Amino acid sequence: MVKLKAKPKAKAKPKTAIKPLEKKVSSPLSAPELKSFKKELLDHQQKLIKELEEKRNQELAGIIDLDPGDDADVATHTYEKEMLFGISGSERETLMQIEDAIRKIQAKTYGVCDRCKKTIPLKRLRVLPYSRYCLVCQNLFESRSL
């Protein structure tokens, strides 16, 4: 008589640390609200672009009209120019955030926190329509940067 060997039991699959893909969270806002925010964001974007162009034109005019004068005049002009670049950098960052918010409206994910995926309160969006985070997550980021 031939003895059949018992099949070895299948080993349990090891648990992995890979998290499942996050679900795409849809916007908690209605279509008219999204349309209103998109209009506001586009208006703000155009205003910032216009301001940046005006500053750049002023800067170019200042370079053309520059009469070196003494060292104090040159230092003052250099400081003012650096301040203009700093402001422009901040405005450029705001423009990028506005563009991101517009993309989220088109993808129907506007109003959702980028970190925790919870709804950003409407009150916060009205104050800062290009908010990426809810207040809790924003405070976390700000406290880490200090």
C-alpha atoms as a PDB file:
ATOM      1  CA  MET A   1       0.000   0.000   0.000  1.00  0.00           C
ATOM      2  CA  VAL A   2       1.238   3.420  -0.941  1.00  0.00           C
ATOM      3  CA  LYS A   3       0.878   6.165   1.573  1.00  0.00           C
ATOM      4  CA  LEU A   4      -0.070   9.537   0.232  1.00  0.00           C
ATOM      5  CA  LYS A   5       1.722  12.433   1.726  1.00  0.00           C
ATOM      6  CA  ALA A   6      -0.459  15.147   3.116  1.00  0.00           C
ATOM      7  CA  LYS A   7      -0.119  18.435   1.315  1.00  0.00           C
ATOM      8  CA  PRO A   8       1.594  21.025   3.423  1.00  0.00           C
ATOM      9  CA  LYS A   9      -0.680  23.774   4.573  1.00  0.00           C
ATOM     10  CA  ALA A  10      -0.307  27.017   2.685  1.00  0.00           C
ATOM     11  CA  LYS A  11       1.587  29.567   4.650  1.00  0.00           C
ATOM     12  CA  ALA A  12      -0.293  32.660   5.633  1.00  0.00           C
ATOM     13  CA  LYS A  13       0.590  35.643   3.514  1.00  0.00           C
ATOM     14  CA  PRO A  14       2.697  38.123   5.437  1.00  0.00           C
ATOM     15  CA  LYS A  15       1.003  41.377   6.209  1.00  0.00           C
ATOM     16  CA  THR A  16       2.508  44.271   4.356  1.00  0.00           C
ATOM     17  CA  ALA A  17       2.800  47.853   5.453  1.00  0.00           C
ATOM     18  CA  ILE A  18       1.420  49.095   2.161  1.00  0.00           C
ATOM     19  CA  LYS A  19      -1.638  51.177   2.689  1.00  0.00           C
ATOM     20  CA  PRO A  20      -4.522  50.851   0.279  1.00  0.00           C
ATOM     21  CA  LEU A  21      -4.884  53.583  -2.307  1.00  0.00           C
ATOM     22  CA  GLU A  22      -6.773  56.548  -0.983  1.00  0.00           C
ATOM     23  CA  LYS A  23     -10.191  57.066  -2.414  1.00  0.00           C
ATOM     24  CA  LYS A  24     -10.712  60.125  -4.527  1.00  0.00           C
ATOM     25  CA  VAL A  25     -12.692  62.466  -2.349  1.00  0.00           C
ATOM     26  CA  SER A  26     -15.247  64.564  -4.161  1.00  0.00           C
ATOM     27  CA  SER A  27     -15.931  68.171  -3.388  1.00  0.00           C
ATOM     28  CA  PRO A  28     -18.438  68.833  -0.614  1.00  0.00           C
ATOM     29  CA  LEU A  29     -19.611  71.988  -2.407  1.00  0.00           C
ATOM     30  CA  SER A  30     -22.528  72.359  -4.764  1.00  0.00           C
ATOM     31  CA  ALA A  31     -22.086  73.238  -8.448  1.00  0.00           C
ATOM     32  CA  PRO A  32     -23.157  76.893  -7.941  1.00  0.00           C
ATOM     33  CA  GLU A  33     -20.718  77.252  -5.023  1.00  0.00           C
ATOM     34  CA  LEU A  34     -17.891  75.783  -7.107  1.00  0.00           C
ATOM     35  CA  LYS A  35     -18.748  78.146  -9.959  1.00  0.00           C
ATOM     36  CA  SER A  36     -18.703  81.115  -7.579  1.00  0.00           C
ATOM     37  CA  PHE A  37     -15.327  80.123  -6.099  1.00  0.00           C
ATOM     38  CA  LYS A  38     -13.878  79.561  -9.570  1.00  0.00           C
ATOM     39  CA  LYS A  39     -14.947  83.053 -10.645  1.00  0.00           C
ATOM     40  CA  GLU A  40     -13.462  84.552  -7.477  1.00  0.00           C
ATOM     41  CA  LEU A  41     -10.194  82.658  -7.950  1.00  0.00           C
ATOM     42  CA  LEU A  42      -9.922  83.687 -11.613  1.00  0.00           C
ATOM     43  CA  ASP A  43     -10.564  87.336 -10.689  1.00  0.00           C
ATOM     44  CA  HIS A  44      -7.921  87.189  -7.953  1.00  0.00           C
ATOM     45  CA  GLN A  45      -5.496  85.529 -10.367  1.00  0.00           C
ATOM     46  CA  GLN A  46      -5.964  88.270 -12.976  1.00  0.00           C
ATOM     47  CA  LYS A  47      -5.513  90.975 -10.330  1.00  0.00           C
ATOM     48  CA  LEU A  48      -2.228  89.440  -9.133  1.00  0.00           C
ATOM     49  CA  ILE A  49      -0.931  89.037 -12.679  1.00  0.00           C
ATOM     50  CA  LYS A  50      -1.699  92.689 -13.390  1.00  0.00           C
ATOM     51  CA  GLU A  51       0.056  93.789 -10.168  1.00  0.00           C
ATOM     52  CA  LEU A  52       3.137  91.706 -11.006  1.00  0.00           C
ATOM     53  CA  GLU A  53       3.310  93.222 -14.492  1.00  0.00           C
ATOM     54  CA  GLU A  54       3.026  96.734 -13.061  1.00  0.00           C
ATOM     55  CA  LYS A  55       5.798  96.071 -10.531  1.00  0.00           C
ATOM     56  CA  ARG A  56       8.013  94.605 -13.211  1.00  0.00           C
ATOM     57  CA  ASN A  57       7.445  97.679 -15.402  1.00  0.00           C
ATOM     58  CA  GLN A  58       8.220  99.988 -12.444  1.00  0.00           C
ATOM     59  CA  GLU A  59      11.340  97.985 -11.747  1.00  0.00           C
ATOM     60  CA  LEU A  60      12.473  98.240 -15.351  1.00  0.00           C
ATOM     61  CA  ALA A  61      11.775 101.987 -15.375  1.00  0.00           C
ATOM     62  CA  GLY A  62      13.776 102.333 -12.145  1.00  0.00           C
ATOM     63  CA  ILE A  63      16.754 100.560 -13.691  1.00  0.00           C
ATOM     64  CA  ILE A  64      16.664 102.801 -16.749  1.00  0.00           C
ATOM     65  CA  ASP A  65      16.337 105.996 -14.691  1.00  0.00           C
ATOM     66  CA  LEU A  66      18.957 104.914 -12.161  1.00  0.00           C
ATOM     67  CA  ASP A  67      21.415 107.685 -11.378  1.00  0.00           C
ATOM     68  CA  PRO A  68      23.966 105.965  -9.145  1.00  0.00           C
ATOM     69  CA  GLY A  69      24.471 108.903  -6.792  1.00  0.00           C
ATOM     70  CA  ASP A  70      26.333 108.118  -3.599  1.00  0.00           C
ATOM     71  CA  ASP A  71      26.690 104.764  -1.816  1.00  0.00           C
ATOM     72  CA  ALA A  72      23.629 105.392   0.370  1.00  0.00           C
ATOM     73  CA  ASP A  73      21.431 105.921  -2.713  1.00  0.00           C
ATOM     74  CA  VAL A  74      22.722 102.721  -4.291  1.00  0.00           C
ATOM     75  CA  ALA A  75      22.131 100.795  -1.041  1.00  0.00           C
ATOM     76  CA  THR A  76      18.602 102.161  -0.730  1.00  0.00           C
ATOM     77  CA  HIS A  77      17.816 101.247  -4.338  1.00  0.00           C
ATOM     78  CA  THR A  78      19.239  97.743  -3.834  1.00  0.00           C
ATOM     79  CA  TYR A  79      17.143  97.258  -0.690  1.00  0.00           C
ATOM     80  CA  GLU A  80      13.971  98.437  -2.451  1.00  0.00           C
ATOM     81  CA  LYS A  81      14.686  96.116  -5.358  1.00  0.00           C
ATOM     82  CA  GLU A  82      15.158  93.155  -3.003  1.00  0.00           C
ATOM     83  CA  MET A  83      11.848  94.002  -1.290  1.00  0.00           C
ATOM     84  CA  LEU A  84      10.107  94.020  -4.676  1.00  0.00           C
ATOM     85  CA  PHE A  85      11.583  90.602  -5.481  1.00  0.00           C
ATOM     86  CA  GLY A  86      10.423  89.279  -2.084  1.00  0.00           C
ATOM     87  CA  ILE A  87       6.901  90.527  -2.598  1.00  0.00           C
ATOM     88  CA  SER A  88       6.872  89.140  -6.117  1.00  0.00           C
ATOM     89  CA  GLY A  89       7.982  85.733  -4.789  1.00  0.00           C
ATOM     90  CA  SER A  90       5.105  85.717  -2.316  1.00  0.00           C
ATOM     91  CA  GLU A  91       2.652  86.752  -5.010  1.00  0.00           C
ATOM     92  CA  ARG A  92       3.984  84.076  -7.340  1.00  0.00           C
ATOM     93  CA  GLU A  93       3.422  81.486  -4.599  1.00  0.00           C
ATOM     94  CA  THR A  94      -0.144  82.739  -4.216  1.00  0.00           C
ATOM     95  CA  LEU A  95      -0.637  82.448  -7.983  1.00  0.00           C
ATOM     96  CA  MET A  96       0.491  78.822  -7.889  1.00  0.00           C
ATOM     97  CA  GLN A  97      -1.921  78.106  -5.031  1.00  0.00           C
ATOM     98  CA  ILE A  98      -4.753  79.742  -6.982  1.00  0.00           C
ATOM     99  CA  GLU A  99      -3.948  77.646 -10.057  1.00  0.00           C
ATOM    100  CA  ASP A 100      -3.958  74.521  -7.878  1.00  0.00           C
ATOM    101  CA  ALA A 101      -7.368  75.473  -6.444  1.00  0.00           C
ATOM    102  CA  ILE A 102      -8.757  75.984  -9.968  1.00  0.00           C
ATOM    103  CA  ARG A 103      -7.470  72.530 -10.971  1.00  0.00           C
ATOM    104  CA  LYS A 104      -9.199  71.074  -7.899  1.00  0.00           C
ATOM    105  CA  ILE A 105     -12.480  72.712  -8.912  1.00  0.00           C
ATOM    106  CA  GLN A 106     -12.161  71.149 -12.363  1.00  0.00           C
ATOM    107  CA  ALA A 107     -11.342  67.760 -10.793  1.00  0.00           C
ATOM    108  CA  LYS A 108     -14.225  68.217  -8.342  1.00  0.00           C
ATOM    109  CA  THR A 109     -11.967  67.842  -5.297  1.00  0.00           C
ATOM    110  CA  TYR A 110     -12.068  71.483  -4.202  1.00  0.00           C
ATOM    111  CA  GLY A 111     -12.772  72.085  -0.508  1.00  0.00           C
ATOM    112  CA  VAL A 112     -11.060  68.906   0.692  1.00  0.00           C
ATOM    113  CA  CYS A 113      -7.957  69.102   2.903  1.00  0.00           C
ATOM    114  CA  ASP A 114      -4.844  67.824   1.094  1.00  0.00           C
ATOM    115  CA  ARG A 115      -3.589  66.164   4.272  1.00  0.00           C
ATOM    116  CA  CYS A 116      -6.495  64.637   6.196  1.00  0.00           C
ATOM    117  CA  LYS A 117      -9.057  64.557   3.349  1.00  0.00           C
ATOM    118  CA  LYS A 118     -11.709  66.165   5.543  1.00  0.00           C
ATOM    119  CA  THR A 119     -13.901  69.002   4.361  1.00  0.00           C
ATOM    120  CA  ILE A 120     -12.410  72.478   4.657  1.00  0.00           C
ATOM    121  CA  PRO A 121     -15.040  74.665   6.342  1.00  0.00           C
ATOM    122  CA  LEU A 122     -16.869  77.003   3.973  1.00  0.00           C
ATOM    123  CA  LYS A 123     -16.047  79.926   6.261  1.00  0.00           C
ATOM    124  CA  ARG A 124     -12.310  79.267   5.758  1.00  0.00           C
ATOM    125  CA  LEU A 125     -12.713  78.970   1.986  1.00  0.00           C
ATOM    126  CA  ARG A 126     -14.541  82.290   1.872  1.00  0.00           C
ATOM    127  CA  VAL A 127     -11.648  83.983   3.676  1.00  0.00           C
ATOM    128  CA  LEU A 128      -8.892  82.150   1.783  1.00  0.00           C
ATOM    129  CA  PRO A 129     -10.371  80.490  -1.313  1.00  0.00           C
ATOM    130  CA  TYR A 130      -7.080  78.832  -2.255  1.00  0.00           C
ATOM    131  CA  SER A 131      -6.718  77.042   1.100  1.00  0.00           C
ATOM    132  CA  ARG A 132      -5.130  73.621   0.761  1.00  0.00           C
ATOM    133  CA  TYR A 133      -5.619  72.542   4.348  1.00  0.00           C
ATOM    134  CA  CYS A 134      -8.213  72.624   7.109  1.00  0.00           C
ATOM    135  CA  LEU A 135      -7.274  74.717  10.153  1.00  0.00           C
ATOM    136  CA  VAL A 136      -6.044  71.724  12.170  1.00  0.00           C
ATOM    137  CA  CYS A 137      -3.621  70.610   9.455  1.00  0.00           C
ATOM    138  CA  GLN A 138      -2.573  74.182   8.658  1.00  0.00           C
ATOM    139  CA  ASN A 139      -1.698  74.702  12.326  1.00  0.00           C
ATOM    140  CA  LEU A 140       0.342  71.490  12.291  1.00  0.00           C
ATOM    141  CA  PHE A 141       2.377  72.690   9.325  1.00  0.00           C
ATOM    142  CA  GLU A 142       2.903  76.131  10.831  1.00  0.00           C
ATOM    143  CA  SER A 143       3.989  74.748  14.203  1.00  0.00           C
ATOM    144  CA  ARG A 144       6.554  72.479  12.505  1.00  0.00           C
ATOM    145  CA  SER A 145       8.077  75.345  10.544  1.00  0.00           C
ATOM    146  CA  LEU A 146       8.769  77.441  13.625  1.00  0.00           C
END
